[in-house]
């Protein structure tokens, strides 16, 4: 899914208000997003929940991670969930937004 990284980064940057540099790696994106998540969880939990809603991450998955891990690495795990979900959405859009075949007839 590395080929989806630029598009994923662009969308997550917009959703999470992240400042990213061109050519960012997956690990860099995950670390940056983890920092943002840690900040949101500790200062504005409502914004954290809103971000999860925007990206459409499963509440059950996030809750499971939060219940099973109390280390600082928990933020990277949640960041990985957001990245994974964003990539799933990109793939779905590309799969289902194929233009209709041109059969040579005029369309109204």
PDB file of N, CA and C in Angstrom:
ATOM      1  N   UNK A   1       0.812  -1.194   0.000  1.00  0.00           N
ATOM      2  CA  UNK A   1       0.000   0.000   0.000  1.00  0.00           C
ATOM      3  C   UNK A   1       0.858   1.261   0.000  1.00  0.00           C
ATOM      4  N   UNK A   2       2.147   1.082  -0.225  1.00  0.00           N
ATOM      5  CA  UNK A   2       3.048   2.228  -0.262  1.00  0.00           C
ATOM      6  C   UNK A   2       2.650   3.190  -1.371  1.00  0.00           C
ATOM      7  N   UNK A   3       2.160   2.673  -2.505  1.00  0.00           N
ATOM      8  CA  UNK A   3       1.797   3.547  -3.610  1.00  0.00           C
ATOM      9  C   UNK A   3       0.625   4.463  -3.251  1.00  0.00           C
ATOM     10  N   UNK A   4      -0.114   4.129  -2.203  1.00  0.00           N
ATOM     11  CA  UNK A   4      -1.228   4.971  -1.757  1.00  0.00           C
ATOM     12  C   UNK A   4      -0.797   6.027  -0.747  1.00  0.00           C
ATOM     13  N   UNK A   5       0.469   5.985  -0.350  1.00  0.00           N
ATOM     14  CA  UNK A   5       0.940   6.859   0.715  1.00  0.00           C
ATOM     15  C   UNK A   5       0.760   8.356   0.421  1.00  0.00           C
ATOM     16  N   UNK A   6       1.102   8.851  -0.768  1.00  0.00           N
ATOM     17  CA  UNK A   6       0.904  10.292  -1.010  1.00  0.00           C
ATOM     18  C   UNK A   6      -0.561  10.727  -0.862  1.00  0.00           C
ATOM     19  N   UNK A   7      -1.465   9.939  -1.410  1.00  0.00           N
ATOM     20  CA  UNK A   7      -2.888  10.268  -1.318  1.00  0.00           C
ATOM     21  C   UNK A   7      -3.391  10.129   0.127  1.00  0.00           C
ATOM     22  N   UNK A   8      -2.916   9.101   0.803  1.00  0.00           N
ATOM     23  CA  UNK A   8      -3.275   8.892   2.210  1.00  0.00           C
ATOM     24  C   UNK A   8      -2.785  10.054   3.059  1.00  0.00           C
ATOM     25  N   UNK A   9      -1.547  10.452   2.838  1.00  0.00           N
ATOM     26  CA  UNK A   9      -0.966  11.561   3.595  1.00  0.00           C
ATOM     27  C   UNK A   9      -1.743  12.839   3.363  1.00  0.00           C
ATOM     28  N   UNK A  10      -2.087  13.103   2.124  1.00  0.00           N
ATOM     29  CA  UNK A  10      -2.840  14.315   1.789  1.00  0.00           C
ATOM     30  C   UNK A  10      -4.182  14.348   2.510  1.00  0.00           C
ATOM     31  N   UNK A  11      -4.895  13.238   2.479  1.00  0.00           N
ATOM     32  CA  UNK A  11      -6.213  13.203   3.107  1.00  0.00           C
ATOM     33  C   UNK A  11      -6.121  13.281   4.627  1.00  0.00           C
ATOM     34  N   UNK A  12      -5.190  12.529   5.221  1.00  0.00           N
ATOM     35  CA  UNK A  12      -5.046  12.575   6.674  1.00  0.00           C
ATOM     36  C   UNK A  12      -4.532  13.930   7.146  1.00  0.00           C
ATOM     37  N   UNK A  13      -3.700  14.569   6.333  1.00  0.00           N
ATOM     38  CA  UNK A  13      -3.219  15.912   6.676  1.00  0.00           C
ATOM     39  C   UNK A  13      -4.387  16.881   6.764  1.00  0.00           C
ATOM     40  N   UNK A  14      -5.311  16.756   5.841  1.00  0.00           N
ATOM     41  CA  UNK A  14      -6.485  17.624   5.851  1.00  0.00           C
ATOM     42  C   UNK A  14      -7.405  17.294   7.026  1.00  0.00           C
ATOM     43  N   UNK A  15      -7.654  16.013   7.247  1.00  0.00           N
ATOM     44  CA  UNK A  15      -8.577  15.600   8.313  1.00  0.00           C
ATOM     45  C   UNK A  15      -8.040  15.920   9.706  1.00  0.00           C
ATOM     46  N   UNK A  16      -6.739  15.729   9.907  1.00  0.00           N
ATOM     47  CA  UNK A  16      -6.148  15.884  11.243  1.00  0.00           C
ATOM     48  C   UNK A  16      -5.384  17.196  11.405  1.00  0.00           C
ATOM     49  N   UNK A  17      -5.404  18.037  10.395  1.00  0.00           N
ATOM     50  CA  UNK A  17      -4.672  19.307  10.426  1.00  0.00           C
ATOM     51  C   UNK A  17      -3.184  19.075  10.730  1.00  0.00           C
ATOM     52  N   UNK A  18      -2.569  18.196   9.943  1.00  0.00           N
ATOM     53  CA  UNK A  18      -1.147  17.890  10.093  1.00  0.00           C
ATOM     54  C   UNK A  18      -0.332  18.676   9.077  1.00  0.00           C
ATOM     55  N   UNK A  19       0.863  19.069   9.479  1.00  0.00           N
ATOM     56  CA  UNK A  19       1.807  19.690   8.563  1.00  0.00           C
ATOM     57  C   UNK A  19       2.764  18.588   8.105  1.00  0.00           C
ATOM     58  N   UNK A  20       2.674  18.197   6.853  1.00  0.00           N
ATOM     59  CA  UNK A  20       3.541  17.128   6.342  1.00  0.00           C
ATOM     60  C   UNK A  20       4.410  17.661   5.216  1.00  0.00           C
ATOM     61  N   UNK A  21       5.556  17.027   5.073  1.00  0.00           N
ATOM     62  CA  UNK A  21       6.478  17.389   3.999  1.00  0.00           C
ATOM     63  C   UNK A  21       6.290  16.426   2.832  1.00  0.00           C
ATOM     64  N   UNK A  22       6.556  16.879   1.626  1.00  0.00           N
ATOM     65  CA  UNK A  22       6.495  15.968   0.479  1.00  0.00           C
ATOM     66  C   UNK A  22       7.489  14.817   0.677  1.00  0.00           C
ATOM     67  N   UNK A  23       7.109  13.640   0.260  1.00  0.00           N
ATOM     68  CA  UNK A  23       8.001  12.495   0.352  1.00  0.00           C
ATOM     69  C   UNK A  23       8.056  11.872   1.738  1.00  0.00           C
ATOM     70  N   UNK A  24       7.072  12.155   2.569  1.00  0.00           N
ATOM     71  CA  UNK A  24       7.031  11.593   3.913  1.00  0.00           C
ATOM     72  C   UNK A  24       6.891  10.076   3.835  1.00  0.00           C
ATOM     73  N   UNK A  25       7.565   9.368   4.735  1.00  0.00           N
ATOM     74  CA  UNK A  25       7.491   7.906   4.750  1.00  0.00           C
ATOM     75  C   UNK A  25       6.312   7.461   5.617  1.00  0.00           C
ATOM     76  N   UNK A  26       5.990   6.182   5.504  1.00  0.00           N
ATOM     77  CA  UNK A  26       4.904   5.627   6.311  1.00  0.00           C
ATOM     78  C   UNK A  26       5.208   5.810   7.796  1.00  0.00           C
ATOM     79  N   UNK A  27       6.433   5.473   8.216  1.00  0.00           N
ATOM     80  CA  UNK A  27       6.804   5.593   9.630  1.00  0.00           C
ATOM     81  C   UNK A  27       6.727   7.035  10.115  1.00  0.00           C
ATOM     82  N   UNK A  28       7.147   7.968   9.276  1.00  0.00           N
ATOM     83  CA  UNK A  28       7.072   9.379   9.646  1.00  0.00           C
ATOM     84  C   UNK A  28       5.617   9.831   9.794  1.00  0.00           C
ATOM     85  N   UNK A  29       4.768   9.393   8.863  1.00  0.00           N
ATOM     86  CA  UNK A  29       3.347   9.739   8.934  1.00  0.00           C
ATOM     87  C   UNK A  29       2.723   9.146  10.193  1.00  0.00           C
ATOM     88  N   UNK A  30       3.043   7.893  10.460  1.00  0.00           N
ATOM     89  CA  UNK A  30       2.492   7.232  11.643  1.00  0.00           C
ATOM     90  C   UNK A  30       2.939   7.960  12.922  1.00  0.00           C
ATOM     91  N   UNK A  31       4.209   8.333  13.001  1.00  0.00           N
ATOM     92  CA  UNK A  31       4.730   9.033  14.179  1.00  0.00           C
ATOM     93  C   UNK A  31       4.083  10.409  14.335  1.00  0.00           C
ATOM     94  N   UNK A  32       3.949  11.134  13.239  1.00  0.00           N
ATOM     95  CA  UNK A  32       3.338  12.465  13.272  1.00  0.00           C
ATOM     96  C   UNK A  32       1.872  12.380  13.698  1.00  0.00           C
ATOM     97  N   UNK A  33       1.178  11.418  13.138  1.00  0.00           N
ATOM     98  CA  UNK A  33      -0.226  11.226  13.481  1.00  0.00           C
ATOM     99  C   UNK A  33      -0.365  10.771  14.934  1.00  0.00           C
ATOM    100  N   UNK A  34       0.545   9.930  15.404  1.00  0.00           N
ATOM    101  CA  UNK A  34       0.523   9.479  16.802  1.00  0.00           C
ATOM    102  C   UNK A  34       0.687  10.666  17.755  1.00  0.00           C
ATOM    103  N   UNK A  35       1.581  11.586  17.420  1.00  0.00           N
ATOM    104  CA  UNK A  35       1.763  12.788  18.239  1.00  0.00           C
ATOM    105  C   UNK A  35       0.477  13.603  18.299  1.00  0.00           C
ATOM    106  N   UNK A  36      -0.169  13.746  17.148  1.00  0.00           N
ATOM    107  CA  UNK A  36      -1.419  14.506  17.083  1.00  0.00           C
ATOM    108  C   UNK A  36      -2.500  13.817  17.922  1.00  0.00           C
ATOM    109  N   UNK A  37      -2.571  12.487  17.828  1.00  0.00           N
ATOM    110  CA  UNK A  37      -3.567  11.746  18.594  1.00  0.00           C
ATOM    111  C   UNK A  37      -3.328  11.879  20.091  1.00  0.00           C
ATOM    112  N   UNK A  38      -2.080  11.788  20.497  1.00  0.00           N
ATOM    113  CA  UNK A  38      -1.746  11.949  21.915  1.00  0.00           C
ATOM    114  C   UNK A  38      -2.181  13.327  22.408  1.00  0.00           C
ATOM    115  N   UNK A  39      -1.901  14.349  21.608  1.00  0.00           N
ATOM    116  CA  UNK A  39      -2.301  15.709  21.959  1.00  0.00           C
ATOM    117  C   UNK A  39      -3.822  15.814  22.077  1.00  0.00           C
ATOM    118  N   UNK A  40      -4.540  15.274  21.096  1.00  0.00           N
ATOM    119  CA  UNK A  40      -6.002  15.366  21.117  1.00  0.00           C
ATOM    120  C   UNK A  40      -6.613  14.606  22.282  1.00  0.00           C
ATOM    121  N   UNK A  41      -6.099  13.424  22.550  1.00  0.00           N
ATOM    122  CA  UNK A  41      -6.648  12.628  23.646  1.00  0.00           C
ATOM    123  C   UNK A  41      -6.450  13.336  24.982  1.00  0.00           C
ATOM    124  N   UNK A  42      -5.309  13.970  25.144  1.00  0.00           N
ATOM    125  CA  UNK A  42      -5.029  14.616  26.431  1.00  0.00           C
ATOM    126  C   UNK A  42      -5.611  16.017  26.564  1.00  0.00           C
ATOM    127  N   UNK A  43      -5.887  16.690  25.463  1.00  0.00           N
ATOM    128  CA  UNK A  43      -6.370  18.066  25.567  1.00  0.00           C
ATOM    129  C   UNK A  43      -7.784  18.295  25.039  1.00  0.00           C
ATOM    130  N   UNK A  44      -8.204  17.544  24.035  1.00  0.00           N
ATOM    131  CA  UNK A  44      -9.509  17.784  23.418  1.00  0.00           C
ATOM    132  C   UNK A  44     -10.076  16.457  22.909  1.00  0.00           C
ATOM    133  N   UNK A  45     -10.588  15.669  23.836  1.00  0.00           N
ATOM    134  CA  UNK A  45     -11.063  14.331  23.491  1.00  0.00           C
ATOM    135  C   UNK A  45     -12.177  14.376  22.450  1.00  0.00           C
ATOM    136  N   UNK A  46     -12.989  15.397  22.486  1.00  0.00           N
ATOM    137  CA  UNK A  46     -14.073  15.527  21.508  1.00  0.00           C
ATOM    138  C   UNK A  46     -13.511  15.636  20.079  1.00  0.00           C
ATOM    139  N   UNK A  47     -12.421  16.364  19.899  1.00  0.00           N
ATOM    140  CA  UNK A  47     -11.785  16.466  18.580  1.00  0.00           C
ATOM    141  C   UNK A  47     -11.208  15.120  18.148  1.00  0.00           C
ATOM    142  N   UNK A  48     -10.682  14.371  19.110  1.00  0.00           N
ATOM    143  CA  UNK A  48     -10.186  13.021  18.820  1.00  0.00           C
ATOM    144  C   UNK A  48     -11.318  12.148  18.278  1.00  0.00           C
ATOM    145  N   UNK A  49     -12.451  12.174  18.959  1.00  0.00           N
ATOM    146  CA  UNK A  49     -13.607  11.384  18.525  1.00  0.00           C
ATOM    147  C   UNK A  49     -14.084  11.855  17.156  1.00  0.00           C
ATOM    148  N   UNK A  50     -14.087  13.164  16.932  1.00  0.00           N
ATOM    149  CA  UNK A  50     -14.496  13.709  15.636  1.00  0.00           C
ATOM    150  C   UNK A  50     -13.565  13.222  14.518  1.00  0.00           C
ATOM    151  N   UNK A  51     -12.262  13.180  14.794  1.00  0.00           N
ATOM    152  CA  UNK A  51     -11.305  12.688  13.802  1.00  0.00           C
ATOM    153  C   UNK A  51     -11.581  11.222  13.475  1.00  0.00           C
ATOM    154  N   UNK A  52     -11.838  10.421  14.502  1.00  0.00           N
ATOM    155  CA  UNK A  52     -12.165   9.012  14.267  1.00  0.00           C
ATOM    156  C   UNK A  52     -13.417   8.892  13.403  1.00  0.00           C
ATOM    157  N   UNK A  53     -14.384   9.758  13.649  1.00  0.00           N
ATOM    158  CA  UNK A  53     -15.616   9.761  12.865  1.00  0.00           C
ATOM    159  C   UNK A  53     -15.345  10.158  11.414  1.00  0.00           C
ATOM    160  N   UNK A  54     -14.531  11.193  11.217  1.00  0.00           N
ATOM    161  CA  UNK A  54     -14.196  11.657   9.864  1.00  0.00           C
ATOM    162  C   UNK A  54     -13.539  10.560   9.043  1.00  0.00           C
ATOM    163  N   UNK A  55     -12.596   9.866   9.659  1.00  0.00           N
ATOM    164  CA  UNK A  55     -11.849   8.839   8.945  1.00  0.00           C
ATOM    165  C   UNK A  55     -12.646   7.529   8.898  1.00  0.00           C
ATOM    166  N   UNK A  56     -13.670   7.440   9.737  1.00  0.00           N
ATOM    167  CA  UNK A  56     -14.551   6.274   9.788  1.00  0.00           C
ATOM    168  C   UNK A  56     -13.820   5.043  10.323  1.00  0.00           C
ATOM    169  N   UNK A  57     -13.150   5.231  11.452  1.00  0.00           N
ATOM    170  CA  UNK A  57     -12.445   4.135  12.109  1.00  0.00           C
ATOM    171  C   UNK A  57     -13.416   3.456  13.062  1.00  0.00           C
ATOM    172  N   UNK A  58     -13.355   2.140  13.126  1.00  0.00           N
ATOM    173  CA  UNK A  58     -14.223   1.366  13.997  1.00  0.00           C
ATOM    174  C   UNK A  58     -13.981   1.711  15.466  1.00  0.00           C
ATOM    175  N   UNK A  59     -15.040   2.105  16.138  1.00  0.00           N
ATOM    176  CA  UNK A  59     -14.950   2.429  17.561  1.00  0.00           C
ATOM    177  C   UNK A  59     -14.513   1.198  18.361  1.00  0.00           C
ATOM    178  N   UNK A  60     -14.978   0.037  17.945  1.00  0.00           N
ATOM    179  CA  UNK A  60     -14.616  -1.194  18.655  1.00  0.00           C
ATOM    180  C   UNK A  60     -13.119  -1.473  18.566  1.00  0.00           C
ATOM    181  N   UNK A  61     -12.535  -1.229  17.412  1.00  0.00           N
ATOM    182  CA  UNK A  61     -11.092  -1.440  17.250  1.00  0.00           C
ATOM    183  C   UNK A  61     -10.295  -0.483  18.122  1.00  0.00           C
ATOM    184  N   UNK A  62     -10.704   0.767  18.148  1.00  0.00           N
ATOM    185  CA  UNK A  62      -9.997   1.764  18.962  1.00  0.00           C
ATOM    186  C   UNK A  62     -10.153   1.427  20.438  1.00  0.00           C
ATOM    187  N   UNK A  63     -11.363   1.105  20.833  1.00  0.00           N
ATOM    188  CA  UNK A  63     -11.610   0.748  22.238  1.00  0.00           C
ATOM    189  C   UNK A  63     -10.784  -0.466  22.639  1.00  0.00           C
ATOM    190  N   UNK A  64     -10.704  -1.449  21.756  1.00  0.00           N
ATOM    191  CA  UNK A  64      -9.917  -2.651  22.036  1.00  0.00           C
ATOM    192  C   UNK A  64      -8.444  -2.307  22.253  1.00  0.00           C
ATOM    193  N   UNK A  65      -7.917  -1.450  21.415  1.00  0.00           N
ATOM    194  CA  UNK A  65      -6.513  -1.030  21.554  1.00  0.00           C
ATOM    195  C   UNK A  65      -6.315  -0.266  22.858  1.00  0.00           C
ATOM    196  N   UNK A  66      -7.216   0.647  23.162  1.00  0.00           N
ATOM    197  CA  UNK A  66      -7.082   1.452  24.375  1.00  0.00           C
ATOM    198  C   UNK A  66      -7.196   0.599  25.644  1.00  0.00           C
ATOM    199  N   UNK A  67      -8.006  -0.445  25.594  1.00  0.00           N
ATOM    200  CA  UNK A  67      -8.178  -1.307  26.758  1.00  0.00           C
ATOM    201  C   UNK A  67      -7.004  -2.258  26.956  1.00  0.00           C
ATOM    202  N   UNK A  68      -6.346  -2.640  25.862  1.00  0.00           N
ATOM    203  CA  UNK A  68      -5.291  -3.648  25.963  1.00  0.00           C
ATOM    204  C   UNK A  68      -3.885  -3.075  26.072  1.00  0.00           C
ATOM    205  N   UNK A  69      -3.718  -1.794  25.816  1.00  0.00           N
ATOM    206  CA  UNK A  69      -2.377  -1.210  25.791  1.00  0.00           C
ATOM    207  C   UNK A  69      -2.383   0.130  26.520  1.00  0.00           C
ATOM    208  N   UNK A  70      -1.569   0.218  27.560  1.00  0.00           N
ATOM    209  CA  UNK A  70      -1.470   1.460  28.314  1.00  0.00           C
ATOM    210  C   UNK A  70      -0.112   2.132  28.134  1.00  0.00           C
ATOM    211  N   UNK A  71       0.660   1.673  27.164  1.00  0.00           N
ATOM    212  CA  UNK A  71       1.979   2.241  26.909  1.00  0.00           C
ATOM    213  C   UNK A  71       1.865   3.401  25.926  1.00  0.00           C
ATOM    214  N   UNK A  72       2.903   4.229  25.835  1.00  0.00           N
ATOM    215  CA  UNK A  72       2.873   5.317  24.842  1.00  0.00           C
ATOM    216  C   UNK A  72       2.738   4.816  23.396  1.00  0.00           C
ATOM    217  N   UNK A  73       3.047   3.549  23.145  1.00  0.00           N
ATOM    218  CA  UNK A  73       2.913   2.986  21.805  1.00  0.00           C
ATOM    219  C   UNK A  73       1.480   2.863  21.338  1.00  0.00           C
ATOM    220  N   UNK A  74       0.539   3.055  22.249  1.00  0.00           N
ATOM    221  CA  UNK A  74      -0.864   2.948  21.894  1.00  0.00           C
ATOM    222  C   UNK A  74      -1.240   3.979  20.827  1.00  0.00           C
ATOM    223  N   UNK A  75      -0.628   5.139  20.862  1.00  0.00           N
ATOM    224  CA  UNK A  75      -0.944   6.189  19.885  1.00  0.00           C
ATOM    225  C   UNK A  75      -0.519   5.780  18.480  1.00  0.00           C
ATOM    226  N   UNK A  76       0.615   5.079  18.379  1.00  0.00           N
ATOM    227  CA  UNK A  76       1.060   4.601  17.055  1.00  0.00           C
ATOM    228  C   UNK A  76       0.117   3.533  16.524  1.00  0.00           C
ATOM    229  N   UNK A  77      -0.410   2.696  17.428  1.00  0.00           N
ATOM    230  CA  UNK A  77      -1.358   1.664  16.994  1.00  0.00           C
ATOM    231  C   UNK A  77      -2.642   2.300  16.460  1.00  0.00           C
ATOM    232  N   UNK A  78      -3.112   3.328  17.131  1.00  0.00           N
ATOM    233  CA  UNK A  78      -4.317   4.016  16.660  1.00  0.00           C
ATOM    234  C   UNK A  78      -4.023   4.762  15.361  1.00  0.00           C
ATOM    235  N   UNK A  79      -2.846   5.353  15.262  1.00  0.00           N
ATOM    236  CA  UNK A  79      -2.446   6.036  14.023  1.00  0.00           C
ATOM    237  C   UNK A  79      -2.423   5.043  12.863  1.00  0.00           C
ATOM    238  N   UNK A  80      -1.903   3.847  13.116  1.00  0.00           N
ATOM    239  CA  UNK A  80      -1.866   2.819  12.068  1.00  0.00           C
ATOM    240  C   UNK A  80      -3.279   2.442  11.639  1.00  0.00           C
ATOM    241  N   UNK A  81      -4.216   2.404  12.583  1.00  0.00           N
ATOM    242  CA  UNK A  81      -5.615   2.131  12.247  1.00  0.00           C
ATOM    243  C   UNK A  81      -6.182   3.209  11.328  1.00  0.00           C
ATOM    244  N   UNK A  82      -5.888   4.472  11.642  1.00  0.00           N
ATOM    245  CA  UNK A  82      -6.378   5.568  10.810  1.00  0.00           C
ATOM    246  C   UNK A  82      -5.787   5.503   9.406  1.00  0.00           C
ATOM    247  N   UNK A  83      -4.496   5.221   9.317  1.00  0.00           N
ATOM    248  CA  UNK A  83      -3.841   5.124   8.010  1.00  0.00           C
ATOM    249  C   UNK A  83      -4.439   3.966   7.209  1.00  0.00           C
ATOM    250  N   UNK A  84      -4.606   2.830   7.863  1.00  0.00           N
ATOM    251  CA  UNK A  84      -5.167   1.657   7.192  1.00  0.00           C
ATOM    252  C   UNK A  84      -6.574   1.939   6.678  1.00  0.00           C
ATOM    253  N   UNK A  85      -7.397   2.572   7.507  1.00  0.00           N
ATOM    254  CA  UNK A  85      -8.773   2.863   7.104  1.00  0.00           C
ATOM    255  C   UNK A  85      -8.803   3.866   5.954  1.00  0.00           C
ATOM    256  N   UNK A  86      -7.941   4.858   6.001  1.00  0.00           N
ATOM    257  CA  UNK A  86      -7.901   5.838   4.919  1.00  0.00           C
ATOM    258  C   UNK A  86      -7.506   5.155   3.610  1.00  0.00           C
ATOM    259  N   UNK A  87      -6.566   4.236   3.667  1.00  0.00           N
ATOM    260  CA  UNK A  87      -6.150   3.527   2.466  1.00  0.00           C
ATOM    261  C   UNK A  87      -7.275   2.632   1.940  1.00  0.00           C
ATOM    262  N   UNK A  88      -8.033   2.020   2.833  1.00  0.00           N
ATOM    263  CA  UNK A  88      -9.182   1.213   2.400  1.00  0.00           C
ATOM    264  C   UNK A  88     -10.186   2.085   1.652  1.00  0.00           C
ATOM    265  N   UNK A  89     -10.423   3.288   2.151  1.00  0.00           N
ATOM    266  CA  UNK A  89     -11.366   4.197   1.505  1.00  0.00           C
ATOM    267  C   UNK A  89     -10.861   4.634   0.127  1.00  0.00           C
ATOM    268  N   UNK A  90      -9.575   4.872   0.012  1.00  0.00           N
ATOM    269  CA  UNK A  90      -8.994   5.268  -1.279  1.00  0.00           C
ATOM    270  C   UNK A  90      -9.159   4.142  -2.291  1.00  0.00           C
ATOM    271  N   UNK A  91      -8.862   2.919  -1.866  1.00  0.00           N
ATOM    272  CA  UNK A  91      -9.012   1.759  -2.754  1.00  0.00           C
ATOM    273  C   UNK A  91     -10.460   1.604  -3.179  1.00  0.00           C
ATOM    274  N   UNK A  92     -11.389   1.740  -2.250  1.00  0.00           N
ATOM    275  CA  UNK A  92     -12.810   1.610  -2.577  1.00  0.00           C
ATOM    276  C   UNK A  92     -13.241   2.672  -3.582  1.00  0.00           C
ATOM    277  N   UNK A  93     -12.793   3.912  -3.372  1.00  0.00           N
ATOM    278  CA  UNK A  93     -13.151   4.986  -4.316  1.00  0.00           C
ATOM    279  C   UNK A  93     -12.615   4.682  -5.708  1.00  0.00           C
ATOM    280  N   UNK A  94     -11.389   4.203  -5.783  1.00  0.00           N
ATOM    281  CA  UNK A  94     -10.798   3.911  -7.091  1.00  0.00           C
ATOM    282  C   UNK A  94     -11.506   2.732  -7.755  1.00  0.00           C
ATOM    283  N   UNK A  95     -11.902   1.762  -6.962  1.00  0.00           N
ATOM    284  CA  UNK A  95     -12.556   0.572  -7.495  1.00  0.00           C
ATOM    285  C   UNK A  95     -13.948   0.879  -8.022  1.00  0.00           C
ATOM    286  N   UNK A  96     -14.695   1.674  -7.269  1.00  0.00           N
ATOM    287  CA  UNK A  96     -16.092   1.889  -7.604  1.00  0.00           C
ATOM    288  C   UNK A  96     -16.362   3.182  -8.360  1.00  0.00           C
ATOM    289  N   UNK A  97     -15.332   3.949  -8.677  1.00  0.00           N
ATOM    290  CA  UNK A  97     -15.566   5.175  -9.434  1.00  0.00           C
ATOM    291  C   UNK A  97     -15.026   5.059 -10.856  1.00  0.00           C
ATOM    292  N   UNK A  98     -14.998   3.859 -11.370  1.00  0.00           N
ATOM    293  CA  UNK A  98     -14.568   3.650 -12.752  1.00  0.00           C
ATOM    294  C   UNK A  98     -15.609   4.260 -13.687  1.00  0.00           C
ATOM    295  N   UNK A  99     -15.175   4.952 -14.724  1.00  0.00           N
ATOM    296  CA  UNK A  99     -16.141   5.531 -15.660  1.00  0.00           C
ATOM    297  C   UNK A  99     -16.876   4.417 -16.412  1.00  0.00           C
ATOM    298  N   UNK A 100     -18.115   4.670 -16.783  1.00  0.00           N
ATOM    299  CA  UNK A 100     -18.858   3.652 -17.533  1.00  0.00           C
ATOM    300  C   UNK A 100     -18.203   3.427 -18.890  1.00  0.00           C
ATOM    301  N   UNK A 101     -18.298   2.223 -19.394  1.00  0.00           N
ATOM    302  CA  UNK A 101     -17.676   1.945 -20.697  1.00  0.00           C
ATOM    303  C   UNK A 101     -18.332   2.769 -21.799  1.00  0.00           C
ATOM    304  N   UNK A 102     -17.528   3.213 -22.750  1.00  0.00           N
ATOM    305  CA  UNK A 102     -18.024   4.001 -23.866  1.00  0.00           C
ATOM    306  C   UNK A 102     -18.453   3.025 -24.957  1.00  0.00           C
ATOM    307  N   UNK A 103     -19.778   2.916 -25.146  1.00  0.00           N
ATOM    308  CA  UNK A 103     -20.286   1.983 -26.167  1.00  0.00           C
ATOM    309  C   UNK A 103     -20.564   2.681 -27.493  1.00  0.00           C
ATOM    310  N   UNK A 104     -20.130   3.920 -27.614  1.00  0.00           N
ATOM    311  CA  UNK A 104     -20.280   4.631 -28.875  1.00  0.00           C
ATOM    312  C   UNK A 104     -21.603   5.363 -29.039  1.00  0.00           C
ATOM    313  N   UNK A 105     -22.544   5.130 -28.158  1.00  0.00           N
ATOM    314  CA  UNK A 105     -23.826   5.812 -28.278  1.00  0.00           C
ATOM    315  C   UNK A 105     -23.794   7.111 -27.491  1.00  0.00           C
ATOM    316  N   UNK A 106     -24.577   8.059 -27.969  1.00  0.00           N
ATOM    317  CA  UNK A 106     -24.676   9.332 -27.273  1.00  0.00           C
ATOM    318  C   UNK A 106     -25.476   9.145 -25.988  1.00  0.00           C
ATOM    319  N   UNK A 107     -25.039   9.857 -24.968  1.00  0.00           N
ATOM    320  CA  UNK A 107     -25.725   9.810 -23.673  1.00  0.00           C
ATOM    321  C   UNK A 107     -26.395  11.151 -23.423  1.00  0.00           C
ATOM    322  N   UNK A 108     -27.513  11.112 -22.818  1.00  0.00           N
ATOM    323  CA  UNK A 108     -28.216  12.350 -22.501  1.00  0.00           C
ATOM    324  C   UNK A 108     -27.676  12.836 -21.249  1.00  0.00           C
TER     325      UNK A 108
END
